[in-house]
Amino acid sequence: AALVHCRKALTVDPLSEFAHEEAMQIFAAQGRREAIERQYALYLDSLSRFDDRPRSTDLQKFYGKLMAG
């Protein structure tokens, strides 16, 4: 259910760092490493398509932490 809410939030605001982070955390809890990578790639794609602002260092660190295990 939480993932459904994240997806709805990202439909409204594709740049929502909170929703991307929550989705990655859900995938981590499910042990879905490939889904974490895909979610982070969606975040980066959204940045380049909708707003060319710099990456969130907090989200980048969070992603790195999840991928490190």
PDB file of N, CA and C in Angstrom:
ATOM      1  N   ALA A   1       0.819  -1.192   0.000  1.00  0.00           N
ATOM      2  CA  ALA A   1       0.000   0.000   0.000  1.00  0.00           C
ATOM      3  C   ALA A   1       0.873   1.269   0.000  1.00  0.00           C
ATOM      4  N   ALA A   2       1.976   1.220   0.730  1.00  0.00           N
ATOM      5  CA  ALA A   2       2.852   2.398   0.795  1.00  0.00           C
ATOM      6  C   ALA A   2       3.448   2.707  -0.574  1.00  0.00           C
ATOM      7  N   LEU A   3       3.778   1.671  -1.314  1.00  0.00           N
ATOM      8  CA  LEU A   3       4.343   1.870  -2.647  1.00  0.00           C
ATOM      9  C   LEU A   3       3.332   2.502  -3.593  1.00  0.00           C
ATOM     10  N   VAL A   4       2.071   2.139  -3.453  1.00  0.00           N
ATOM     11  CA  VAL A   4       1.004   2.743  -4.265  1.00  0.00           C
ATOM     12  C   VAL A   4       0.941   4.241  -3.990  1.00  0.00           C
ATOM     13  N   HIS A   5       1.053   4.616  -2.734  1.00  0.00           N
ATOM     14  CA  HIS A   5       1.028   6.038  -2.377  1.00  0.00           C
ATOM     15  C   HIS A   5       2.241   6.777  -2.932  1.00  0.00           C
ATOM     16  N   CYS A   6       3.392   6.134  -2.907  1.00  0.00           N
ATOM     17  CA  CYS A   6       4.598   6.746  -3.485  1.00  0.00           C
ATOM     18  C   CYS A   6       4.403   6.980  -4.980  1.00  0.00           C
ATOM     19  N   ARG A   7       3.869   5.992  -5.665  1.00  0.00           N
ATOM     20  CA  ARG A   7       3.654   6.130  -7.108  1.00  0.00           C
ATOM     21  C   ARG A   7       2.659   7.235  -7.421  1.00  0.00           C
ATOM     22  N   LYS A   8       1.603   7.346  -6.610  1.00  0.00           N
ATOM     23  CA  LYS A   8       0.633   8.435  -6.810  1.00  0.00           C
ATOM     24  C   LYS A   8       1.300   9.789  -6.597  1.00  0.00           C
ATOM     25  N   ALA A   9       2.117   9.884  -5.557  1.00  0.00           N
ATOM     26  CA  ALA A   9       2.820  11.139  -5.276  1.00  0.00           C
ATOM     27  C   ALA A   9       3.751  11.501  -6.429  1.00  0.00           C
ATOM     28  N   LEU A  10       4.426  10.501  -6.999  1.00  0.00           N
ATOM     29  CA  LEU A  10       5.350  10.762  -8.102  1.00  0.00           C
ATOM     30  C   LEU A  10       4.624  11.097  -9.395  1.00  0.00           C
ATOM     31  N   THR A  11       3.386  10.676  -9.515  1.00  0.00           N
ATOM     32  CA  THR A  11       2.573  11.073 -10.668  1.00  0.00           C
ATOM     33  C   THR A  11       2.271  12.565 -10.591  1.00  0.00           C
ATOM     34  N   VAL A  12       2.007  13.040  -9.391  1.00  0.00           N
ATOM     35  CA  VAL A  12       1.723  14.456  -9.177  1.00  0.00           C
ATOM     36  C   VAL A  12       2.996  15.287  -9.240  1.00  0.00           C
ATOM     37  N   ASP A  13       4.054  14.795  -8.585  1.00  0.00           N
ATOM     38  CA  ASP A  13       5.330  15.509  -8.526  1.00  0.00           C
ATOM     39  C   ASP A  13       6.481  14.534  -8.766  1.00  0.00           C
ATOM     40  N   PRO A  14       6.905  14.389 -10.016  1.00  0.00           N
ATOM     41  CA  PRO A  14       7.971  13.435 -10.330  1.00  0.00           C
ATOM     42  C   PRO A  14       9.307  13.736  -9.658  1.00  0.00           C
ATOM     43  N   LEU A  15       9.447  14.920  -9.083  1.00  0.00           N
ATOM     44  CA  LEU A  15      10.696  15.306  -8.429  1.00  0.00           C
ATOM     45  C   LEU A  15      10.647  15.161  -6.910  1.00  0.00           C
ATOM     46  N   SER A  16       9.575  14.580  -6.390  1.00  0.00           N
ATOM     47  CA  SER A  16       9.426  14.436  -4.940  1.00  0.00           C
ATOM     48  C   SER A  16      10.512  13.509  -4.386  1.00  0.00           C
ATOM     49  N   GLU A  17      11.503  14.108  -3.767  1.00  0.00           N
ATOM     50  CA  GLU A  17      12.604  13.327  -3.213  1.00  0.00           C
ATOM     51  C   GLU A  17      12.106  12.403  -2.107  1.00  0.00           C
ATOM     52  N   PHE A  18      11.142  12.874  -1.334  1.00  0.00           N
ATOM     53  CA  PHE A  18      10.574  12.059  -0.262  1.00  0.00           C
ATOM     54  C   PHE A  18       9.950  10.783  -0.825  1.00  0.00           C
ATOM     55  N   ALA A  19       9.167  10.910  -1.896  1.00  0.00           N
ATOM     56  CA  ALA A  19       8.506   9.741  -2.481  1.00  0.00           C
ATOM     57  C   ALA A  19       9.526   8.777  -3.094  1.00  0.00           C
ATOM     58  N   HIS A  20      10.553   9.311  -3.751  1.00  0.00           N
ATOM     59  CA  HIS A  20      11.600   8.444  -4.300  1.00  0.00           C
ATOM     60  C   HIS A  20      12.317   7.699  -3.174  1.00  0.00           C
ATOM     61  N   GLU A  21      12.619   8.413  -2.095  1.00  0.00           N
ATOM     62  CA  GLU A  21      13.309   7.800  -0.962  1.00  0.00           C
ATOM     63  C   GLU A  21      12.455   6.713  -0.318  1.00  0.00           C
ATOM     64  N   GLU A  22      11.188   7.007  -0.115  1.00  0.00           N
ATOM     65  CA  GLU A  22      10.282   6.018   0.479  1.00  0.00           C
ATOM     66  C   GLU A  22      10.180   4.774  -0.397  1.00  0.00           C
ATOM     67  N   ALA A  23      10.055   4.967  -1.709  1.00  0.00           N
ATOM     68  CA  ALA A  23       9.965   3.830  -2.625  1.00  0.00           C
ATOM     69  C   ALA A  23      11.235   2.980  -2.537  1.00  0.00           C
ATOM     70  N   MET A  24      12.389   3.635  -2.505  1.00  0.00           N
ATOM     71  CA  MET A  24      13.649   2.886  -2.403  1.00  0.00           C
ATOM     72  C   MET A  24      13.724   2.114  -1.089  1.00  0.00           C
ATOM     73  N   GLN A  25      13.224   2.711  -0.023  1.00  0.00           N
ATOM     74  CA  GLN A  25      13.233   2.034   1.278  1.00  0.00           C
ATOM     75  C   GLN A  25      12.308   0.809   1.254  1.00  0.00           C
ATOM     76  N   ILE A  26      11.175   0.925   0.609  1.00  0.00           N
ATOM     77  CA  ILE A  26      10.258  -0.208   0.480  1.00  0.00           C
ATOM     78  C   ILE A  26      10.930  -1.334  -0.299  1.00  0.00           C
ATOM     79  N   PHE A  27      11.562  -0.977  -1.409  1.00  0.00           N
ATOM     80  CA  PHE A  27      12.250  -1.986  -2.209  1.00  0.00           C
ATOM     81  C   PHE A  27      13.371  -2.654  -1.421  1.00  0.00           C
ATOM     82  N   ALA A  28      14.073  -1.871  -0.608  1.00  0.00           N
ATOM     83  CA  ALA A  28      15.147  -2.436   0.216  1.00  0.00           C
ATOM     84  C   ALA A  28      14.573  -3.446   1.211  1.00  0.00           C
ATOM     85  N   ALA A  29      13.444  -3.114   1.811  1.00  0.00           N
ATOM     86  CA  ALA A  29      12.801  -4.027   2.758  1.00  0.00           C
ATOM     87  C   ALA A  29      12.365  -5.318   2.072  1.00  0.00           C
ATOM     88  N   GLN A  30      12.045  -5.216   0.790  1.00  0.00           N
ATOM     89  CA  GLN A  30      11.638  -6.394   0.016  1.00  0.00           C
ATOM     90  C   GLN A  30      12.843  -7.148  -0.560  1.00  0.00           C
ATOM     91  N   GLY A  31      14.042  -6.590  -0.384  1.00  0.00           N
ATOM     92  CA  GLY A  31      15.243  -7.214  -0.921  1.00  0.00           C
ATOM     93  C   GLY A  31      15.370  -7.073  -2.428  1.00  0.00           C
ATOM     94  N   ARG A  32      14.764  -6.032  -2.979  1.00  0.00           N
ATOM     95  CA  ARG A  32      14.736  -5.823  -4.431  1.00  0.00           C
ATOM     96  C   ARG A  32      15.753  -4.768  -4.851  1.00  0.00           C
ATOM     97  N   ARG A  33      16.989  -5.170  -4.888  1.00  0.00           N
ATOM     98  CA  ARG A  33      18.105  -4.272  -5.226  1.00  0.00           C
ATOM     99  C   ARG A  33      17.932  -3.641  -6.614  1.00  0.00           C
ATOM    100  N   GLU A  34      17.494  -4.433  -7.589  1.00  0.00           N
ATOM    101  CA  GLU A  34      17.304  -3.914  -8.948  1.00  0.00           C
ATOM    102  C   GLU A  34      16.225  -2.826  -8.984  1.00  0.00           C
ATOM    103  N   ALA A  35      15.225  -2.963  -8.133  1.00  0.00           N
ATOM    104  CA  ALA A  35      14.161  -1.957  -8.067  1.00  0.00           C
ATOM    105  C   ALA A  35      14.678  -0.660  -7.443  1.00  0.00           C
ATOM    106  N   ILE A  36      15.595  -0.774  -6.488  1.00  0.00           N
ATOM    107  CA  ILE A  36      16.216   0.416  -5.895  1.00  0.00           C
ATOM    108  C   ILE A  36      16.984   1.160  -6.983  1.00  0.00           C
ATOM    109  N   GLU A  37      17.759   0.424  -7.761  1.00  0.00           N
ATOM    110  CA  GLU A  37      18.527   1.040  -8.857  1.00  0.00           C
ATOM    111  C   GLU A  37      17.599   1.708  -9.866  1.00  0.00           C
ATOM    112  N   ARG A  38      16.522   1.025 -10.203  1.00  0.00           N
ATOM    113  CA  ARG A  38      15.565   1.573 -11.170  1.00  0.00           C
ATOM    114  C   ARG A  38      14.899   2.841 -10.632  1.00  0.00           C
ATOM    115  N   GLN A  39      14.554   2.842  -9.342  1.00  0.00           N
ATOM    116  CA  GLN A  39      13.917   4.020  -8.750  1.00  0.00           C
ATOM    117  C   GLN A  39      14.861   5.213  -8.751  1.00  0.00           C
ATOM    118  N   TYR A  40      16.124   4.973  -8.424  1.00  0.00           N
ATOM    119  CA  TYR A  40      17.088   6.072  -8.420  1.00  0.00           C
ATOM    120  C   TYR A  40      17.304   6.587  -9.841  1.00  0.00           C
ATOM    121  N   ALA A  41      17.319   5.690 -10.803  1.00  0.00           N
ATOM    122  CA  ALA A  41      17.452   6.105 -12.207  1.00  0.00           C
ATOM    123  C   ALA A  41      16.240   6.942 -12.629  1.00  0.00           C
ATOM    124  N   LEU A  42      15.053   6.586 -12.152  1.00  0.00           N
ATOM    125  CA  LEU A  42      13.849   7.388 -12.451  1.00  0.00           C
ATOM    126  C   LEU A  42      13.973   8.787 -11.853  1.00  0.00           C
ATOM    127  N   TYR A  43      14.516   8.860 -10.645  1.00  0.00           N
ATOM    128  CA  TYR A  43      14.742  10.159 -10.000  1.00  0.00           C
ATOM    129  C   TYR A  43      15.684  11.017 -10.862  1.00  0.00           C
ATOM    130  N   LEU A  44      16.796  10.428 -11.290  1.00  0.00           N
ATOM    131  CA  LEU A  44      17.762  11.171 -12.106  1.00  0.00           C
ATOM    132  C   LEU A  44      17.146  11.590 -13.443  1.00  0.00           C
ATOM    133  N   ASP A  45      16.373  10.709 -14.046  1.00  0.00           N
ATOM    134  CA  ASP A  45      15.704  11.022 -15.305  1.00  0.00           C
ATOM    135  C   ASP A  45      14.718  12.170 -15.117  1.00  0.00           C
ATOM    136  N   SER A  46      13.971  12.137 -14.022  1.00  0.00           N
ATOM    137  CA  SER A  46      13.014  13.212 -13.738  1.00  0.00           C
ATOM    138  C   SER A  46      13.720  14.549 -13.571  1.00  0.00           C
ATOM    139  N   LEU A  47      14.874  14.528 -12.919  1.00  0.00           N
ATOM    140  CA  LEU A  47      15.641  15.770 -12.756  1.00  0.00           C
ATOM    141  C   LEU A  47      16.022  16.357 -14.108  1.00  0.00           C
ATOM    142  N   SER A  48      16.494  15.514 -14.993  1.00  0.00           N
ATOM    143  CA  SER A  48      16.944  16.020 -16.296  1.00  0.00           C
ATOM    144  C   SER A  48      15.784  16.422 -17.196  1.00  0.00           C
ATOM    145  N   ARG A  49      14.626  15.781 -17.032  1.00  0.00           N
ATOM    146  CA  ARG A  49      13.480  16.095 -17.900  1.00  0.00           C
ATOM    147  C   ARG A  49      12.654  17.273 -17.409  1.00  0.00           C
ATOM    148  N   PHE A  50      12.487  17.403 -16.092  1.00  0.00           N
ATOM    149  CA  PHE A  50      11.566  18.403 -15.566  1.00  0.00           C
ATOM    150  C   PHE A  50      12.235  19.623 -14.941  1.00  0.00           C
ATOM    151  N   ASP A  51      13.434  19.450 -14.446  1.00  0.00           N
ATOM    152  CA  ASP A  51      14.103  20.558 -13.761  1.00  0.00           C
ATOM    153  C   ASP A  51      15.585  20.212 -13.695  1.00  0.00           C
ATOM    154  N   ASP A  52      16.387  21.007 -14.300  1.00  0.00           N
ATOM    155  CA  ASP A  52      17.810  20.688 -14.389  1.00  0.00           C
ATOM    156  C   ASP A  52      18.573  21.132 -13.142  1.00  0.00           C
ATOM    157  N   ARG A  53      17.991  20.873 -11.967  1.00  0.00           N
ATOM    158  CA  ARG A  53      18.677  21.230 -10.729  1.00  0.00           C
ATOM    159  C   ARG A  53      19.646  20.125 -10.329  1.00  0.00           C
ATOM    160  N   PRO A  54      20.573  20.430  -9.448  1.00  0.00           N
ATOM    161  CA  PRO A  54      21.541  19.406  -9.027  1.00  0.00           C
ATOM    162  C   PRO A  54      20.870  18.284  -8.241  1.00  0.00           C
ATOM    163  N   ARG A  55      21.521  17.150  -8.219  1.00  0.00           N
ATOM    164  CA  ARG A  55      21.031  16.008  -7.458  1.00  0.00           C
ATOM    165  C   ARG A  55      21.020  16.323  -5.973  1.00  0.00           C
ATOM    166  N   SER A  56      20.087  15.725  -5.285  1.00  0.00           N
ATOM    167  CA  SER A  56      20.047  15.838  -3.833  1.00  0.00           C
ATOM    168  C   SER A  56      21.181  15.005  -3.255  1.00  0.00           C
ATOM    169  N   THR A  57      22.070  15.632  -2.513  1.00  0.00           N
ATOM    170  CA  THR A  57      23.172  14.880  -1.913  1.00  0.00           C
ATOM    171  C   THR A  57      22.642  13.909  -0.859  1.00  0.00           C
ATOM    172  N   ASP A  58      21.574  14.292  -0.160  1.00  0.00           N
ATOM    173  CA  ASP A  58      20.986  13.403   0.843  1.00  0.00           C
ATOM    174  C   ASP A  58      20.426  12.141   0.194  1.00  0.00           C
ATOM    175  N   LEU A  59      19.717  12.314  -0.919  1.00  0.00           N
ATOM    176  CA  LEU A  59      19.143  11.156  -1.605  1.00  0.00           C
ATOM    177  C   LEU A  59      20.248  10.302  -2.216  1.00  0.00           C
ATOM    178  N   GLN A  60      21.281  10.937  -2.719  1.00  0.00           N
ATOM    179  CA  GLN A  60      22.412  10.212  -3.286  1.00  0.00           C
ATOM    180  C   GLN A  60      23.104   9.372  -2.202  1.00  0.00           C
ATOM    181  N   LYS A  61      23.284   9.937  -1.023  1.00  0.00           N
ATOM    182  CA  LYS A  61      23.889   9.202   0.090  1.00  0.00           C
ATOM    183  C   LYS A  61      22.991   8.047   0.532  1.00  0.00           C
ATOM    184  N   PHE A  62      21.696   8.303   0.584  1.00  0.00           N
ATOM    185  CA  PHE A  62      20.727   7.277   0.978  1.00  0.00           C
ATOM    186  C   PHE A  62      20.781   6.108  -0.005  1.00  0.00           C
ATOM    187  N   TYR A  63      20.817   6.418  -1.286  1.00  0.00           N
ATOM    188  CA  TYR A  63      20.910   5.400  -2.328  1.00  0.00           C
ATOM    189  C   TYR A  63      22.201   4.581  -2.153  1.00  0.00           C
ATOM    190  N   GLY A  64      23.307   5.271  -1.945  1.00  0.00           N
ATOM    191  CA  GLY A  64      24.577   4.588  -1.745  1.00  0.00           C
ATOM    192  C   GLY A  64      24.560   3.661  -0.535  1.00  0.00           C
ATOM    193  N   LYS A  65      23.926   4.114   0.522  1.00  0.00           N
ATOM    194  CA  LYS A  65      23.803   3.318   1.747  1.00  0.00           C
ATOM    195  C   LYS A  65      22.975   2.050   1.495  1.00  0.00           C
ATOM    196  N   LEU A  66      21.868   2.202   0.779  1.00  0.00           N
ATOM    197  CA  LEU A  66      21.035   1.041   0.458  1.00  0.00           C
ATOM    198  C   LEU A  66      21.785   0.048  -0.418  1.00  0.00           C
ATOM    199  N   MET A  67      22.528   0.554  -1.384  1.00  0.00           N
ATOM    200  CA  MET A  67      23.240  -0.326  -2.309  1.00  0.00           C
ATOM    201  C   MET A  67      24.432  -1.010  -1.640  1.00  0.00           C
ATOM    202  N   ALA A  68      24.969  -0.378  -0.609  1.00  0.00           N
ATOM    203  CA  ALA A  68      26.094  -0.972   0.117  1.00  0.00           C
ATOM    204  C   ALA A  68      25.626  -2.142   0.996  1.00  0.00           C
ATOM    205  N   GLY A  69      24.325  -2.162   1.260  1.00  0.00           N
ATOM    206  CA  GLY A  69      23.774  -3.297   1.991  1.00  0.00           C
ATOM    207  C   GLY A  69      23.427  -2.992   3.383  1.00  0.00           C
TER     208      GLY A  69
END
